[in-house]
Amino acid sequence: MPPLMCNYYLTYKCNSRCTYCDIPVNPSNRKVKEAAAELVIENMVALRRLGVKIIDFTGGEPLLYPHLPRVLAAAKELGFFVSLANSGTLYSHMAREIKGLVDDLKFSLSTTEPSAYHKERGIDGFDKVIASIELAQSIGEKPSIIATATPTSIFSMEAVVKLAQRLNVPVLLGPVFDCCGNELLQQQGLKELDRLSKLANVCVNWAFLEFFRDGGNSNKKPRCRAISSTIVVSPDDRLLLPCYHAHNERLQIVHKDGRSNLDDLWRSEQVQHKRALEGTWEFCQGCTLWCYFETSFLWPPDKYFWLNLKSKGRWLIERTKQQLRARSAPSQATQQQTASEVAAAESVTR
């Protein structure tokens, strides 16, 4: 099976300095130059040839990439489902340029207190994020909030949920990654995450909770499918293996006569050998980096597969409810159709 998703790092630059992320301050990342838009687009054509369906444009702060509108337009034209995660502090400068080019527009917000926001992110950006969410809604977008729970913030996360409910925005609530020396959620934090997952407007991946409690990835019996399910491309046009967070190989992508060899590179013996070892390295033991396990759990069928599927059903429910609430004076027929959509989605989670 071909990879389903590409995590495309457009830039490692960021105007924030989040306490749980080292991407913009990592010394090796500071030397990385960003690829031209033409090269990114050629890589996306190669990804389509390979069978990739979803591109998540990330960073750093992807809105700092100067050619973002052009890249997003090309991604949509190529038929990808496009996801974009951003801080929300720069969105107003590019909102209308990227309108309609993102299927899953995510804003990062983990507190309702401006002072706590500054402490966590290193900038005064709380009001800008709220304004960005409202701007996105005003131009017809359907934004969501990514809320990162740390051992400190998890017990005040319900306030973020209530804020999101007032804004009519679903919350993707997840734990802080086990990288950069981050302190991870303990049992009480996981219990609170589980409790919050039952609130309206909240989406938590139940497969992750189970996986975390089980101790994460076992390199003796790996559940990680990072290479099989997800292609990771760096800003300087390299394929990262096995993943961004633990890459020990950076393979240069070659462009010739307007064609990228990214698809051929992924199929190469070198990459396939690495693929056969995914999840087995020493650094893979106990890993819970969710950006790779969400796709890893798509196969084969096991308890994580079913919990992941249930979580996706919950997401469909919340997005459907969001669209329903956003409609002004919907017709009775539309209401009935939406109710049917919600009921169908709910049946997946039972």
Protein backbone atom coordinates (compact mmCIF):
# COMPACT_ATOMS: atom_id res chain seq x y z
CA MET A 1 0.00 0.00 0.00
CA PRO A 2 1.29 3.52 -0.80
CA PRO A 3 1.63 6.19 1.89
CA LEU A 4 -1.59 8.00 2.68
CA MET A 5 -0.19 11.28 3.92
CA CYS A 6 2.66 13.74 3.53
CA ASN A 7 3.87 15.92 6.38
CA TYR A 8 5.36 18.76 4.38
CA TYR A 9 7.56 21.13 6.38
CA LEU A 10 7.57 24.31 4.30
CA THR A 11 9.76 26.22 6.76
CA TYR A 12 11.38 25.80 10.14
CA LYS A 13 11.03 29.53 10.84
CA CYS A 14 8.48 30.60 13.43
CA ASN A 15 7.47 33.86 15.07
CA SER A 16 6.57 31.97 18.29
CA ARG A 17 8.80 30.23 20.79
CA CYS A 18 6.57 27.57 22.28
CA THR A 19 8.01 25.92 25.37
CA TYR A 20 7.25 22.41 24.07
CA CYS A 21 8.71 22.82 20.55
CA ASP A 22 12.32 23.20 19.44
CA ILE A 23 11.81 23.43 15.68
CA PRO A 24 12.69 27.14 15.22
CA VAL A 25 15.54 27.13 17.75
CA ASN A 26 17.18 23.82 16.83
CA PRO A 27 20.69 24.77 15.62
CA SER A 28 20.56 22.34 12.68
CA ASN A 29 17.22 23.77 11.53
CA ARG A 30 18.56 27.33 11.47
CA LYS A 31 20.84 26.43 8.57
CA VAL A 32 18.05 24.96 6.45
CA LYS A 33 17.01 26.96 3.39
CA GLU A 34 13.49 26.82 2.01
CA ALA A 35 12.81 25.25 -1.38
CA ALA A 36 11.36 27.28 -4.22
CA ALA A 37 7.65 26.91 -4.95
CA GLU A 38 8.42 25.15 -8.24
CA LEU A 39 10.24 22.37 -6.41
CA VAL A 40 7.45 21.97 -3.85
CA ILE A 41 4.90 21.68 -6.66
CA GLU A 42 7.02 19.13 -8.53
CA ASN A 43 7.20 17.09 -5.33
CA MET A 44 3.42 17.23 -4.98
CA VAL A 45 3.03 15.88 -8.52
CA ALA A 46 5.34 13.02 -7.52
CA LEU A 47 3.27 12.44 -4.37
CA ARG A 48 0.15 12.10 -6.52
CA ARG A 49 1.90 9.57 -8.72
CA LEU A 50 2.77 7.64 -5.58
CA GLY A 51 -0.85 7.65 -4.38
CA VAL A 52 -0.68 10.10 -1.46
CA LYS A 53 -4.11 11.60 -0.66
CA ILE A 54 -3.48 14.10 2.15
CA ILE A 55 -0.89 16.84 2.57
CA ASP A 56 -0.43 18.51 5.92
CA PHE A 57 1.55 21.72 5.45
CA THR A 58 3.39 22.49 8.61
CA GLY A 59 6.50 24.09 10.10
CA GLY A 60 7.62 26.16 11.93
CA GLU A 61 4.97 28.63 11.01
CA PRO A 62 3.85 27.76 7.45
CA LEU A 63 2.40 31.23 6.94
CA LEU A 64 5.98 32.52 6.96
CA TYR A 65 6.65 30.60 3.74
CA PRO A 66 6.39 33.35 1.10
CA HIS A 67 4.87 31.17 -1.63
CA LEU A 68 2.18 29.52 0.50
CA PRO A 69 -0.86 30.68 -1.56
CA ARG A 70 0.67 29.37 -4.77
CA VAL A 71 1.56 26.02 -3.18
CA LEU A 72 -1.90 25.60 -1.63
CA ALA A 73 -3.59 26.40 -4.96
CA ALA A 74 -1.46 23.78 -6.70
CA ALA A 75 -2.25 21.21 -4.00
CA LYS A 76 -5.98 21.75 -4.45
CA GLU A 77 -5.67 21.60 -8.24
CA LEU A 78 -3.88 18.27 -7.89
CA GLY A 79 -6.78 16.94 -5.83
CA PHE A 80 -5.18 16.62 -2.40
CA PHE A 81 -7.05 16.96 0.86
CA VAL A 82 -5.13 19.92 2.29
CA SER A 83 -4.47 20.47 5.98
CA LEU A 84 -2.77 23.55 7.40
CA ALA A 85 -1.80 24.05 11.03
CA ASN A 86 -0.81 27.56 12.07
CA SER A 87 -0.49 29.72 15.17
CA GLY A 88 -3.18 32.18 14.08
CA THR A 89 -0.94 35.17 14.73
CA LEU A 90 -0.22 35.82 11.03
CA TYR A 91 -3.41 34.53 9.42
CA SER A 92 -5.03 37.94 8.90
CA HIS A 93 -2.24 38.93 6.48
CA MET A 94 -2.95 36.01 4.16
CA ALA A 95 -6.53 34.97 4.92
CA ARG A 96 -8.10 36.05 1.65
CA GLU A 97 -5.22 34.77 -0.45
CA ILE A 98 -5.65 31.24 0.87
CA LYS A 99 -9.44 31.30 1.20
CA GLY A 100 -10.96 28.05 -0.07
CA LEU A 101 -7.56 26.39 -0.51
CA VAL A 102 -7.48 24.53 2.82
CA ASP A 103 -9.83 21.68 3.74
CA ASP A 104 -8.70 21.44 7.35
CA LEU A 105 -7.68 24.84 8.75
CA LYS A 106 -6.27 24.49 12.26
CA PHE A 107 -5.33 27.19 14.75
CA SER A 108 -3.13 26.40 17.73
CA LEU A 109 -4.48 27.60 21.08
CA SER A 110 -4.02 26.02 24.51
CA THR A 111 -5.12 28.68 27.00
CA THR A 112 -7.71 31.41 27.47
CA GLU A 113 -5.40 33.71 29.44
CA PRO A 114 -3.28 36.23 27.49
CA SER A 115 -0.56 36.14 30.15
CA ALA A 116 -0.43 32.32 30.04
CA TYR A 117 -0.31 32.49 26.24
CA HIS A 118 2.73 34.77 26.42
CA LYS A 119 4.43 32.50 28.92
CA GLU A 120 3.83 29.44 26.74
CA ARG A 121 4.53 30.97 23.33
CA GLY A 122 6.92 33.84 24.03
CA ILE A 123 4.76 36.44 22.27
CA ASP A 124 1.58 38.40 22.92
CA GLY A 125 -0.67 36.67 20.42
CA PHE A 126 -3.84 35.54 22.18
CA ASP A 127 -6.09 38.29 20.82
CA LYS A 128 -4.72 37.75 17.31
CA VAL A 129 -5.65 34.08 17.41
CA ILE A 130 -9.24 34.82 18.43
CA ALA A 131 -9.49 37.48 15.73
CA SER A 132 -8.10 35.03 13.17
CA ILE A 133 -10.66 32.38 14.05
CA GLU A 134 -13.48 34.91 13.70
CA LEU A 135 -12.03 36.20 10.43
CA ALA A 136 -11.82 32.67 9.03
CA GLN A 137 -15.47 32.08 9.91
CA SER A 138 -16.52 35.40 8.39
CA ILE A 139 -15.07 34.45 4.99
CA GLY A 140 -16.69 31.02 4.97
CA GLU A 141 -13.93 28.81 6.35
CA LYS A 142 -14.53 26.04 8.90
CA PRO A 143 -11.61 26.34 11.34
CA SER A 144 -10.72 24.10 14.26
CA ILE A 145 -8.49 24.56 17.31
CA ILE A 146 -5.50 22.39 18.15
CA ALA A 147 -5.01 22.41 21.92
CA THR A 148 -1.79 20.91 23.27
CA ALA A 149 -2.14 19.59 26.81
CA THR A 150 0.87 19.63 29.13
CA PRO A 151 0.91 18.33 32.71
CA THR A 152 0.38 21.95 33.79
CA SER A 153 -2.22 23.08 31.26
CA ILE A 154 -4.43 19.97 31.13
CA PHE A 155 -6.37 20.89 34.28
CA SER A 156 -7.32 24.31 32.88
CA MET A 157 -8.10 23.00 29.40
CA GLU A 158 -11.85 22.97 29.98
CA ALA A 159 -11.78 26.76 29.66
CA VAL A 160 -10.40 26.36 26.13
CA VAL A 161 -13.23 23.95 25.36
CA LYS A 162 -15.83 26.44 26.59
CA LEU A 163 -14.22 29.21 24.54
CA ALA A 164 -14.32 26.98 21.46
CA GLN A 165 -17.97 26.18 22.10
CA ARG A 166 -18.78 29.90 22.16
CA LEU A 167 -16.83 30.37 18.93
CA ASN A 168 -18.45 27.28 17.33
CA VAL A 169 -15.06 25.70 16.67
CA PRO A 170 -14.20 22.03 17.28
CA VAL A 171 -11.21 21.35 19.53
CA LEU A 172 -8.60 18.74 18.65
CA LEU A 173 -7.25 18.06 22.12
CA GLY A 174 -4.02 16.11 22.36
CA PRO A 175 -1.08 15.58 24.69
CA VAL A 176 2.29 17.26 24.35
CA PHE A 177 4.74 15.24 22.24
CA ASP A 178 7.47 13.19 23.86
CA CYS A 179 10.30 15.22 22.36
CA CYS A 180 12.45 18.23 23.35
CA GLY A 181 12.60 16.92 26.91
CA ASN A 182 8.89 17.57 27.43
CA GLU A 183 7.27 16.31 30.61
CA LEU A 184 4.47 13.97 29.57
CA LEU A 185 0.97 13.55 30.94
CA GLN A 186 0.71 11.17 33.86
CA GLN A 187 -2.30 9.09 34.92
CA GLN A 188 -4.28 11.99 36.38
CA GLY A 189 -3.69 14.05 33.26
CA LEU A 190 -4.78 11.16 31.06
CA LYS A 191 -7.95 10.75 33.13
CA GLU A 192 -8.71 14.44 32.65
CA LEU A 193 -8.08 14.11 28.92
CA ASP A 194 -10.50 11.19 28.84
CA ARG A 195 -13.12 13.23 30.74
CA LEU A 196 -12.77 16.19 28.40
CA SER A 197 -13.12 13.91 25.38
CA LYS A 198 -16.78 13.41 26.31
CA LEU A 199 -17.62 17.12 26.20
CA ALA A 200 -19.37 18.66 23.23
CA ASN A 201 -17.06 20.12 20.60
CA VAL A 202 -14.05 18.05 21.73
CA CYS A 203 -12.18 15.45 19.70
CA VAL A 204 -9.57 13.28 21.41
CA ASN A 205 -8.09 10.25 19.72
CA TRP A 206 -9.03 7.35 21.98
CA ALA A 207 -6.54 5.11 20.21
CA PHE A 208 -3.78 7.36 21.47
CA LEU A 209 -5.01 7.20 25.06
CA GLU A 210 -5.01 3.41 24.94
CA PHE A 211 -1.64 3.32 23.20
CA PHE A 212 -0.12 5.73 25.73
CA ARG A 213 -1.39 3.67 28.65
CA ASP A 214 0.05 0.56 26.98
CA GLY A 215 3.51 2.13 27.04
CA GLY A 216 3.77 3.39 23.46
CA ASN A 217 5.60 1.69 20.63
CA SER A 218 7.48 -1.53 21.25
CA ASN A 219 10.55 -1.93 19.07
CA LYS A 220 10.23 -5.70 19.54
CA LYS A 221 6.70 -5.71 18.18
CA PRO A 222 6.36 -2.29 16.50
CA ARG A 223 3.05 -0.62 15.80
CA CYS A 224 4.68 2.36 14.10
CA ARG A 225 4.22 2.64 10.33
CA ALA A 226 5.87 6.05 9.96
CA ILE A 227 7.55 5.34 6.62
CA SER A 228 4.75 3.17 5.20
CA SER A 229 1.96 5.63 5.97
CA THR A 230 3.59 9.06 5.98
CA ILE A 231 6.12 10.81 3.78
CA VAL A 232 8.06 13.58 5.53
CA VAL A 233 9.65 16.32 3.43
CA SER A 234 11.91 19.00 4.88
CA PRO A 235 12.02 22.66 3.81
CA ASP A 236 15.32 22.08 2.00
CA ASP A 237 13.85 19.42 -0.27
CA ARG A 238 14.86 16.21 1.46
CA LEU A 239 13.03 13.04 2.38
CA LEU A 240 13.42 12.48 6.12
CA LEU A 241 13.65 8.92 7.42
CA PRO A 242 12.14 7.42 9.44
CA CYS A 243 10.35 10.62 10.56
CA TYR A 244 11.04 14.27 11.33
CA HIS A 245 11.42 13.83 15.07
CA ALA A 246 13.93 10.99 14.89
CA HIS A 247 15.40 11.19 11.42
CA ASN A 248 18.82 9.70 10.91
CA GLU A 249 18.72 9.96 7.13
CA ARG A 250 18.05 12.97 4.91
CA LEU A 251 17.81 11.90 1.29
CA GLN A 252 18.15 14.64 -1.31
CA ILE A 253 15.23 14.82 -3.75
CA VAL A 254 16.41 15.26 -7.34
CA HIS A 255 14.65 17.45 -9.89
CA LYS A 256 15.32 17.13 -13.62
CA ASP A 257 13.42 18.63 -16.53
CA GLY A 258 10.57 19.75 -14.26
CA ARG A 259 10.16 16.33 -12.64
CA SER A 260 10.77 15.28 -9.03
CA ASN A 261 12.10 11.80 -8.26
CA LEU A 262 10.39 11.71 -4.84
CA ASP A 263 8.12 8.82 -5.83
CA ASP A 264 11.01 6.83 -7.30
CA LEU A 265 13.09 7.63 -4.23
CA TRP A 266 10.41 6.29 -1.87
CA ARG A 267 10.22 3.07 -3.91
CA SER A 268 14.00 2.68 -3.93
CA GLU A 269 15.73 -0.27 -2.29
CA GLN A 270 17.37 2.08 0.21
CA VAL A 271 14.04 3.45 1.48
CA GLN A 272 12.27 0.10 1.39
CA HIS A 273 15.03 -1.43 3.48
CA LYS A 274 14.50 1.33 6.00
CA ARG A 275 10.76 0.79 5.79
CA ALA A 276 11.17 -2.86 6.77
CA LEU A 277 12.82 -1.68 10.00
CA GLU A 278 10.31 1.03 10.91
CA GLY A 279 9.53 1.14 14.60
CA THR A 280 12.35 -1.21 15.55
CA TRP A 281 15.19 1.20 16.31
CA GLU A 282 16.22 1.86 19.89
CA PHE A 283 14.83 5.41 19.72
CA CYS A 284 11.44 3.96 18.72
CA GLN A 285 10.96 2.23 22.06
CA GLY A 286 8.08 3.85 23.97
CA CYS A 287 7.46 6.46 21.27
CA THR A 288 4.05 8.15 21.27
CA LEU A 289 4.57 10.84 18.61
CA TRP A 290 0.97 11.10 17.55
CA CYS A 291 1.49 12.66 14.12
CA TYR A 292 2.75 9.26 12.91
CA PHE A 293 0.56 6.87 14.87
CA GLU A 294 -2.71 8.38 13.68
CA THR A 295 -1.89 7.07 10.21
CA SER A 296 -0.08 3.99 11.52
CA PHE A 297 -3.31 2.85 13.18
CA LEU A 298 -5.19 2.76 9.87
CA TRP A 299 -3.98 -0.84 9.39
CA PRO A 300 -3.98 -3.67 10.37
CA PRO A 301 -7.25 -4.09 12.29
CA ASP A 302 -6.64 -4.27 16.04
CA LYS A 303 -7.93 -2.37 19.06
CA TYR A 304 -6.03 0.77 18.01
CA PHE A 305 -7.53 0.54 14.53
CA TRP A 306 -11.07 0.45 15.90
CA LEU A 307 -10.50 3.20 18.48
CA ASN A 308 -8.92 5.35 15.77
CA LEU A 309 -11.93 4.75 13.54
CA LYS A 310 -14.26 5.65 16.41
CA SER A 311 -12.33 8.88 16.92
CA LYS A 312 -12.63 9.76 13.24
CA GLY A 313 -16.36 9.23 13.54
CA ARG A 314 -16.45 11.67 16.44
CA TRP A 315 -14.59 14.21 14.31
CA LEU A 316 -17.17 13.85 11.53
CA ILE A 317 -19.94 14.42 14.07
CA GLU A 318 -18.37 17.60 15.42
CA ARG A 319 -17.67 19.00 11.96
CA THR A 320 -21.24 18.26 10.91
CA LYS A 321 -22.57 20.01 14.02
CA GLN A 322 -20.29 22.96 13.34
CA GLN A 323 -21.69 23.33 9.83
CA LEU A 324 -25.25 23.02 11.13
CA ARG A 325 -24.75 25.76 13.73
CA ALA A 326 -23.09 28.00 11.14
CA ARG A 327 -26.09 27.95 8.87
CA SER A 328 -28.47 30.83 9.24
CA ALA A 329 -32.17 29.88 9.30
CA PRO A 330 -31.73 26.48 7.61
CA SER A 331 -34.70 24.96 5.85
CA GLN A 332 -36.52 22.01 7.36
CA ALA A 333 -35.21 19.78 4.58
CA THR A 334 -31.66 20.87 5.29
CA GLN A 335 -32.16 20.23 9.00
CA GLN A 336 -33.42 16.73 8.30
CA GLN A 337 -30.47 16.04 5.98
CA THR A 338 -27.98 17.26 8.57
CA ALA A 339 -29.64 15.22 11.32
CA SER A 340 -29.27 12.15 9.10
CA GLU A 341 -25.59 12.95 8.57
CA VAL A 342 -25.02 13.26 12.31
CA ALA A 343 -26.89 10.02 13.01
CA ALA A 344 -24.83 8.20 10.38
CA ALA A 345 -21.59 9.52 11.85
CA GLU A 346 -22.67 8.63 15.40
CA SER A 347 -23.35 5.04 14.36
CA VAL A 348 -19.64 4.68 13.53
CA THR A 349 -18.66 5.53 17.13
CA ARG A 350 -21.01 3.12 18.86
